[in-house]
């Protein structure tokens, strides 16, 4: 299944319930599928507008933090 968002086409996460499968396990598979495709992380990233300078600063801070993790 495909959906159009702002002129680009993306796949929509969907899960078909199997025979004799509980709703809980199907929901668990759906959540795992969404996590793998990065839907939630993308949604959190686009929750509010960040100016390019703020994006660069956060990226630099994350790189510095990861560098410190590796050397400690």
PDB file of N, CA and C in Angstrom:
ATOM      1  N   UNK A   1       0.841  -1.169   0.000  1.00  0.00           N
ATOM      2  CA  UNK A   1       0.000   0.000   0.000  1.00  0.00           C
ATOM      3  C   UNK A   1       0.890   1.238   0.000  1.00  0.00           C
ATOM      4  N   UNK A   2       0.500   2.246  -0.759  1.00  0.00           N
ATOM      5  CA  UNK A   2       1.304   3.450  -0.883  1.00  0.00           C
ATOM      6  C   UNK A   2       0.471   4.667  -0.506  1.00  0.00           C
ATOM      7  N   UNK A   3       1.131   5.675   0.019  1.00  0.00           N
ATOM      8  CA  UNK A   3       0.470   6.935   0.356  1.00  0.00           C
ATOM      9  C   UNK A   3       1.328   8.073  -0.180  1.00  0.00           C
ATOM     10  N   UNK A   4       0.680   9.150  -0.558  1.00  0.00           N
ATOM     11  CA  UNK A   4       1.392  10.302  -1.083  1.00  0.00           C
ATOM     12  C   UNK A   4       1.497  11.356   0.005  1.00  0.00           C
ATOM     13  N   UNK A   5       2.729  11.802   0.256  1.00  0.00           N
ATOM     14  CA  UNK A   5       2.989  12.840   1.244  1.00  0.00           C
ATOM     15  C   UNK A   5       3.836  13.914   0.592  1.00  0.00           C
ATOM     16  N   UNK A   6       3.241  15.058   0.336  1.00  0.00           N
ATOM     17  CA  UNK A   6       3.997  16.183  -0.207  1.00  0.00           C
ATOM     18  C   UNK A   6       4.655  15.890  -1.534  1.00  0.00           C
ATOM     19  N   UNK A   7       3.998  15.131  -2.408  1.00  0.00           N
ATOM     20  CA  UNK A   7       4.538  14.863  -3.723  1.00  0.00           C
ATOM     21  C   UNK A   7       5.435  13.640  -3.806  1.00  0.00           C
ATOM     22  N   UNK A   8       5.730  13.023  -2.694  1.00  0.00           N
ATOM     23  CA  UNK A   8       6.551  11.807  -2.742  1.00  0.00           C
ATOM     24  C   UNK A   8       5.708  10.628  -2.269  1.00  0.00           C
ATOM     25  N   UNK A   9       6.022   9.481  -2.787  1.00  0.00           N
ATOM     26  CA  UNK A   9       5.236   8.294  -2.491  1.00  0.00           C
ATOM     27  C   UNK A   9       6.003   7.418  -1.519  1.00  0.00           C
ATOM     28  N   UNK A  10       5.336   7.002  -0.455  1.00  0.00           N
ATOM     29  CA  UNK A  10       5.985   6.168   0.551  1.00  0.00           C
ATOM     30  C   UNK A  10       5.091   4.982   0.882  1.00  0.00           C
ATOM     31  N   UNK A  11       5.711   3.918   1.341  1.00  0.00           N
ATOM     32  CA  UNK A  11       4.928   2.752   1.734  1.00  0.00           C
ATOM     33  C   UNK A  11       4.353   2.970   3.123  1.00  0.00           C
ATOM     34  N   UNK A  12       3.203   2.406   3.354  1.00  0.00           N
ATOM     35  CA  UNK A  12       2.540   2.505   4.639  1.00  0.00           C
ATOM     36  C   UNK A  12       2.698   1.165   5.339  1.00  0.00           C
ATOM     37  N   UNK A  13       3.043   1.189   6.615  1.00  0.00           N
ATOM     38  CA  UNK A  13       3.197  -0.055   7.365  1.00  0.00           C
ATOM     39  C   UNK A  13       1.842  -0.701   7.550  1.00  0.00           C
ATOM     40  N   UNK A  14       1.764  -1.963   7.210  1.00  0.00           N
ATOM     41  CA  UNK A  14       0.526  -2.698   7.423  1.00  0.00           C
ATOM     42  C   UNK A  14       0.857  -4.126   7.809  1.00  0.00           C
ATOM     43  N   UNK A  15      -0.033  -4.716   8.587  1.00  0.00           N
ATOM     44  CA  UNK A  15       0.150  -6.086   9.059  1.00  0.00           C
ATOM     45  C   UNK A  15      -1.156  -6.823   8.821  1.00  0.00           C
ATOM     46  N   UNK A  16      -1.071  -7.973   8.186  1.00  0.00           N
ATOM     47  CA  UNK A  16      -2.245  -8.806   7.976  1.00  0.00           C
ATOM     48  C   UNK A  16      -2.309  -9.828   9.109  1.00  0.00           C
ATOM     49  N   UNK A  17      -3.466  -9.930   9.727  1.00  0.00           N
ATOM     50  CA  UNK A  17      -3.632 -10.867  10.846  1.00  0.00           C
ATOM     51  C   UNK A  17      -3.719 -12.277  10.296  1.00  0.00           C
ATOM     52  N   UNK A  18      -2.893 -13.157  10.821  1.00  0.00           N
ATOM     53  CA  UNK A  18      -2.848 -14.546  10.386  1.00  0.00           C
ATOM     54  C   UNK A  18      -3.964 -15.339  11.060  1.00  0.00           C
ATOM     55  N   UNK A  19      -4.195 -16.534  10.565  1.00  0.00           N
ATOM     56  CA  UNK A  19      -5.202 -17.401  11.179  1.00  0.00           C
ATOM     57  C   UNK A  19      -4.770 -17.762  12.596  1.00  0.00           C
ATOM     58  N   UNK A  20      -5.711 -17.738  13.506  1.00  0.00           N
ATOM     59  CA  UNK A  20      -5.479 -18.093  14.919  1.00  0.00           C
ATOM     60  C   UNK A  20      -4.404 -17.222  15.572  1.00  0.00           C
ATOM     61  N   UNK A  21      -4.302 -15.977  15.158  1.00  0.00           N
ATOM     62  CA  UNK A  21      -3.335 -15.061  15.765  1.00  0.00           C
ATOM     63  C   UNK A  21      -4.083 -14.060  16.638  1.00  0.00           C
ATOM     64  N   UNK A  22      -3.573 -13.843  17.820  1.00  0.00           N
ATOM     65  CA  UNK A  22      -4.228 -12.889  18.716  1.00  0.00           C
ATOM     66  C   UNK A  22      -3.955 -11.458  18.248  1.00  0.00           C
ATOM     67  N   UNK A  23      -4.815 -10.591  18.663  1.00  0.00           N
ATOM     68  CA  UNK A  23      -4.659  -9.180  18.301  1.00  0.00           C
ATOM     69  C   UNK A  23      -3.400  -8.591  18.933  1.00  0.00           C
ATOM     70  N   UNK A  24      -3.051  -9.054  20.126  1.00  0.00           N
ATOM     71  CA  UNK A  24      -1.848  -8.560  20.804  1.00  0.00           C
ATOM     72  C   UNK A  24      -0.589  -8.872  20.008  1.00  0.00           C
ATOM     73  N   UNK A  25      -0.491 -10.090  19.498  1.00  0.00           N
ATOM     74  CA  UNK A  25       0.712 -10.440  18.736  1.00  0.00           C
ATOM     75  C   UNK A  25       0.756  -9.692  17.400  1.00  0.00           C
ATOM     76  N   UNK A  26      -0.416  -9.461  16.786  1.00  0.00           N
ATOM     77  CA  UNK A  26      -0.442  -8.688  15.540  1.00  0.00           C
ATOM     78  C   UNK A  26      -0.031  -7.235  15.803  1.00  0.00           C
ATOM     79  N   UNK A  27      -0.487  -6.681  16.923  1.00  0.00           N
ATOM     80  CA  UNK A  27      -0.106  -5.314  17.288  1.00  0.00           C
ATOM     81  C   UNK A  27       1.387  -5.225  17.563  1.00  0.00           C
ATOM     82  N   UNK A  28       1.926  -6.260  18.194  1.00  0.00           N
ATOM     83  CA  UNK A  28       3.363  -6.312  18.476  1.00  0.00           C
ATOM     84  C   UNK A  28       4.165  -6.343  17.162  1.00  0.00           C
ATOM     85  N   UNK A  29       3.687  -7.141  16.191  1.00  0.00           N
ATOM     86  CA  UNK A  29       4.352  -7.189  14.886  1.00  0.00           C
ATOM     87  C   UNK A  29       4.270  -5.831  14.180  1.00  0.00           C
ATOM     88  N   UNK A  30       3.115  -5.163  14.298  1.00  0.00           N
ATOM     89  CA  UNK A  30       2.942  -3.852  13.667  1.00  0.00           C
ATOM     90  C   UNK A  30       3.900  -2.831  14.275  1.00  0.00           C
ATOM     91  N   UNK A  31       4.012  -2.816  15.602  1.00  0.00           N
ATOM     92  CA  UNK A  31       4.926  -1.879  16.266  1.00  0.00           C
ATOM     93  C   UNK A  31       6.369  -2.141  15.856  1.00  0.00           C
ATOM     94  N   UNK A  32       6.738  -3.413  15.760  1.00  0.00           N
ATOM     95  CA  UNK A  32       8.096  -3.765  15.347  1.00  0.00           C
ATOM     96  C   UNK A  32       8.349  -3.318  13.907  1.00  0.00           C
ATOM     97  N   UNK A  33       7.344  -3.500  13.058  1.00  0.00           N
ATOM     98  CA  UNK A  33       7.442  -3.091  11.657  1.00  0.00           C
ATOM     99  C   UNK A  33       7.623  -1.572  11.554  1.00  0.00           C
ATOM    100  N   UNK A  34       6.877  -0.829  12.348  1.00  0.00           N
ATOM    101  CA  UNK A  34       7.003   0.635  12.348  1.00  0.00           C
ATOM    102  C   UNK A  34       8.379   1.060  12.853  1.00  0.00           C
ATOM    103  N   UNK A  35       8.867   0.383  13.871  1.00  0.00           N
ATOM    104  CA  UNK A  35      10.181   0.725  14.419  1.00  0.00           C
ATOM    105  C   UNK A  35      11.285   0.462  13.390  1.00  0.00           C
ATOM    106  N   UNK A  36      11.181  -0.650  12.658  1.00  0.00           N
ATOM    107  CA  UNK A  36      12.182  -0.970  11.645  1.00  0.00           C
ATOM    108  C   UNK A  36      12.182   0.037  10.506  1.00  0.00           C
ATOM    109  N   UNK A  37      10.998   0.466  10.101  1.00  0.00           N
ATOM    110  CA  UNK A  37      10.916   1.394   8.974  1.00  0.00           C
ATOM    111  C   UNK A  37      11.263   2.824   9.377  1.00  0.00           C
ATOM    112  N   UNK A  38      11.335   3.111  10.672  1.00  0.00           N
ATOM    113  CA  UNK A  38      11.744   4.428  11.136  1.00  0.00           C
ATOM    114  C   UNK A  38      10.643   5.468  11.104  1.00  0.00           C
ATOM    115  N   UNK A  39       9.394   5.027  11.157  1.00  0.00           N
ATOM    116  CA  UNK A  39       8.261   5.949  11.091  1.00  0.00           C
ATOM    117  C   UNK A  39       8.250   6.868  12.306  1.00  0.00           C
ATOM    118  N   UNK A  40       8.386   6.305  13.482  1.00  0.00           N
ATOM    119  CA  UNK A  40       8.286   7.105  14.707  1.00  0.00           C
ATOM    120  C   UNK A  40       9.463   8.063  14.867  1.00  0.00           C
ATOM    121  N   UNK A  41      10.667   7.601  14.550  1.00  0.00           N
ATOM    122  CA  UNK A  41      11.821   8.490  14.678  1.00  0.00           C
ATOM    123  C   UNK A  41      11.725   9.648  13.692  1.00  0.00           C
ATOM    124  N   UNK A  42      11.216   9.364  12.493  1.00  0.00           N
ATOM    125  CA  UNK A  42      11.034  10.421  11.503  1.00  0.00           C
ATOM    126  C   UNK A  42       9.965  11.412  11.964  1.00  0.00           C
ATOM    127  N   UNK A  43       8.914  10.892  12.566  1.00  0.00           N
ATOM    128  CA  UNK A  43       7.845  11.751  13.072  1.00  0.00           C
ATOM    129  C   UNK A  43       8.359  12.659  14.185  1.00  0.00           C
ATOM    130  N   UNK A  44       9.144  12.121  15.087  1.00  0.00           N
ATOM    131  CA  UNK A  44       9.704  12.936  16.177  1.00  0.00           C
ATOM    132  C   UNK A  44      10.650  13.999  15.639  1.00  0.00           C
ATOM    133  N   UNK A  45      11.399  13.635  14.594  1.00  0.00           N
ATOM    134  CA  UNK A  45      12.350  14.574  14.015  1.00  0.00           C
ATOM    135  C   UNK A  45      11.629  15.744  13.339  1.00  0.00           C
ATOM    136  N   UNK A  46      10.469  15.475  12.743  1.00  0.00           N
ATOM    137  CA  UNK A  46       9.727  16.503  12.015  1.00  0.00           C
ATOM    138  C   UNK A  46       8.598  17.110  12.841  1.00  0.00           C
ATOM    139  N   UNK A  47       8.623  16.891  14.142  1.00  0.00           N
ATOM    140  CA  UNK A  47       7.540  17.370  15.005  1.00  0.00           C
ATOM    141  C   UNK A  47       7.449  18.895  15.005  1.00  0.00           C
ATOM    142  N   UNK A  48       8.591  19.564  14.933  1.00  0.00           N
ATOM    143  CA  UNK A  48       8.594  21.018  14.880  1.00  0.00           C
ATOM    144  C   UNK A  48       9.766  21.454  14.007  1.00  0.00           C
ATOM    145  N   UNK A  49       9.695  22.671  13.509  1.00  0.00           N
ATOM    146  CA  UNK A  49      10.713  23.177  12.585  1.00  0.00           C
ATOM    147  C   UNK A  49      11.991  23.525  13.331  1.00  0.00           C
ATOM    148  N   UNK A  50      13.110  23.128  12.738  1.00  0.00           N
ATOM    149  CA  UNK A  50      14.421  23.514  13.257  1.00  0.00           C
ATOM    150  C   UNK A  50      15.154  24.243  12.140  1.00  0.00           C
ATOM    151  N   UNK A  51      15.718  25.377  12.472  1.00  0.00           N
ATOM    152  CA  UNK A  51      16.469  26.116  11.465  1.00  0.00           C
ATOM    153  C   UNK A  51      17.747  25.357  11.123  1.00  0.00           C
ATOM    154  N   UNK A  52      18.311  25.592   9.957  1.00  0.00           N
ATOM    155  CA  UNK A  52      19.530  24.881   9.549  1.00  0.00           C
ATOM    156  C   UNK A  52      20.688  25.046  10.531  1.00  0.00           C
ATOM    157  N   UNK A  53      20.797  26.221  11.159  1.00  0.00           N
ATOM    158  CA  UNK A  53      21.899  26.422  12.102  1.00  0.00           C
ATOM    159  C   UNK A  53      21.720  25.548  13.344  1.00  0.00           C
ATOM    160  N   UNK A  54      20.480  25.382  13.791  1.00  0.00           N
ATOM    161  CA  UNK A  54      20.214  24.524  14.952  1.00  0.00           C
ATOM    162  C   UNK A  54      20.496  23.070  14.591  1.00  0.00           C
ATOM    163  N   UNK A  55      20.125  22.654  13.384  1.00  0.00           N
ATOM    164  CA  UNK A  55      20.401  21.284  12.939  1.00  0.00           C
ATOM    165  C   UNK A  55      21.903  21.011  12.938  1.00  0.00           C
ATOM    166  N   UNK A  56      22.688  21.972  12.404  1.00  0.00           N
ATOM    167  CA  UNK A  56      24.148  21.795  12.375  1.00  0.00           C
ATOM    168  C   UNK A  56      24.709  21.699  13.780  1.00  0.00           C
ATOM    169  N   UNK A  57      24.227  22.568  14.687  1.00  0.00           N
ATOM    170  CA  UNK A  57      24.728  22.561  16.059  1.00  0.00           C
ATOM    171  C   UNK A  57      24.414  21.246  16.749  1.00  0.00           C
ATOM    172  N   UNK A  58      23.187  20.733  16.587  1.00  0.00           N
ATOM    173  CA  UNK A  58      22.812  19.460  17.211  1.00  0.00           C
ATOM    174  C   UNK A  58      23.611  18.311  16.631  1.00  0.00           C
ATOM    175  N   UNK A  59      23.848  18.353  15.315  1.00  0.00           N
ATOM    176  CA  UNK A  59      24.636  17.303  14.678  1.00  0.00           C
ATOM    177  C   UNK A  59      26.067  17.311  15.201  1.00  0.00           C
ATOM    178  N   UNK A  60      26.627  18.505  15.370  1.00  0.00           N
ATOM    179  CA  UNK A  60      27.975  18.634  15.892  1.00  0.00           C
ATOM    180  C   UNK A  60      28.055  18.145  17.339  1.00  0.00           C
ATOM    181  N   UNK A  61      27.046  18.497  18.141  1.00  0.00           N
ATOM    182  CA  UNK A  61      27.024  18.041  19.534  1.00  0.00           C
ATOM    183  C   UNK A  61      26.914  16.524  19.617  1.00  0.00           C
ATOM    184  N   UNK A  62      26.088  15.926  18.745  1.00  0.00           N
ATOM    185  CA  UNK A  62      25.932  14.469  18.741  1.00  0.00           C
ATOM    186  C   UNK A  62      27.239  13.794  18.342  1.00  0.00           C
ATOM    187  N   UNK A  63      27.943  14.365  17.359  1.00  0.00           N
ATOM    188  CA  UNK A  63      29.215  13.795  16.932  1.00  0.00           C
ATOM    189  C   UNK A  63      30.242  13.875  18.058  1.00  0.00           C
ATOM    190  N   UNK A  64      30.259  15.008  18.757  1.00  0.00           N
ATOM    191  CA  UNK A  64      31.187  15.177  19.882  1.00  0.00           C
ATOM    192  C   UNK A  64      30.875  14.170  20.988  1.00  0.00           C
ATOM    193  N   UNK A  65      29.587  13.979  21.255  1.00  0.00           N
ATOM    194  CA  UNK A  65      29.170  13.043  22.296  1.00  0.00           C
ATOM    195  C   UNK A  65      29.562  11.605  21.934  1.00  0.00           C
ATOM    196  N   UNK A  66      29.340  11.225  20.664  1.00  0.00           N
ATOM    197  CA  UNK A  66      29.707   9.876  20.213  1.00  0.00           C
ATOM    198  C   UNK A  66      31.218   9.684  20.242  1.00  0.00           C
ATOM    199  N   UNK A  67      31.964  10.722  19.919  1.00  0.00           N
ATOM    200  CA  UNK A  67      33.424  10.627  19.946  1.00  0.00           C
ATOM    201  C   UNK A  67      33.910  10.398  21.374  1.00  0.00           C
ATOM    202  N   UNK A  68      33.308  11.113  22.317  1.00  0.00           N
ATOM    203  CA  UNK A  68      33.680  10.935  23.725  1.00  0.00           C
ATOM    204  C   UNK A  68      33.321   9.555  24.232  1.00  0.00           C
ATOM    205  N   UNK A  69      32.225   8.989  23.759  1.00  0.00           N
ATOM    206  CA  UNK A  69      31.825   7.628  24.152  1.00  0.00           C
ATOM    207  C   UNK A  69      32.852   6.611  23.709  1.00  0.00           C
ATOM    208  N   UNK A  70      33.379   6.799  22.478  1.00  0.00           N
ATOM    209  CA  UNK A  70      34.332   5.822  21.927  1.00  0.00           C
ATOM    210  C   UNK A  70      35.661   5.847  22.673  1.00  0.00           C
ATOM    211  N   UNK A  71      36.088   7.035  23.121  1.00  0.00           N
ATOM    212  CA  UNK A  71      37.404   7.156  23.731  1.00  0.00           C
ATOM    213  C   UNK A  71      37.403   6.940  25.236  1.00  0.00           C
ATOM    214  N   UNK A  72      36.239   6.827  25.818  1.00  0.00           N
ATOM    215  CA  UNK A  72      36.179   6.592  27.287  1.00  0.00           C
ATOM    216  C   UNK A  72      36.015   5.148  27.604  1.00  0.00           C
TER     217      UNK A  72
END
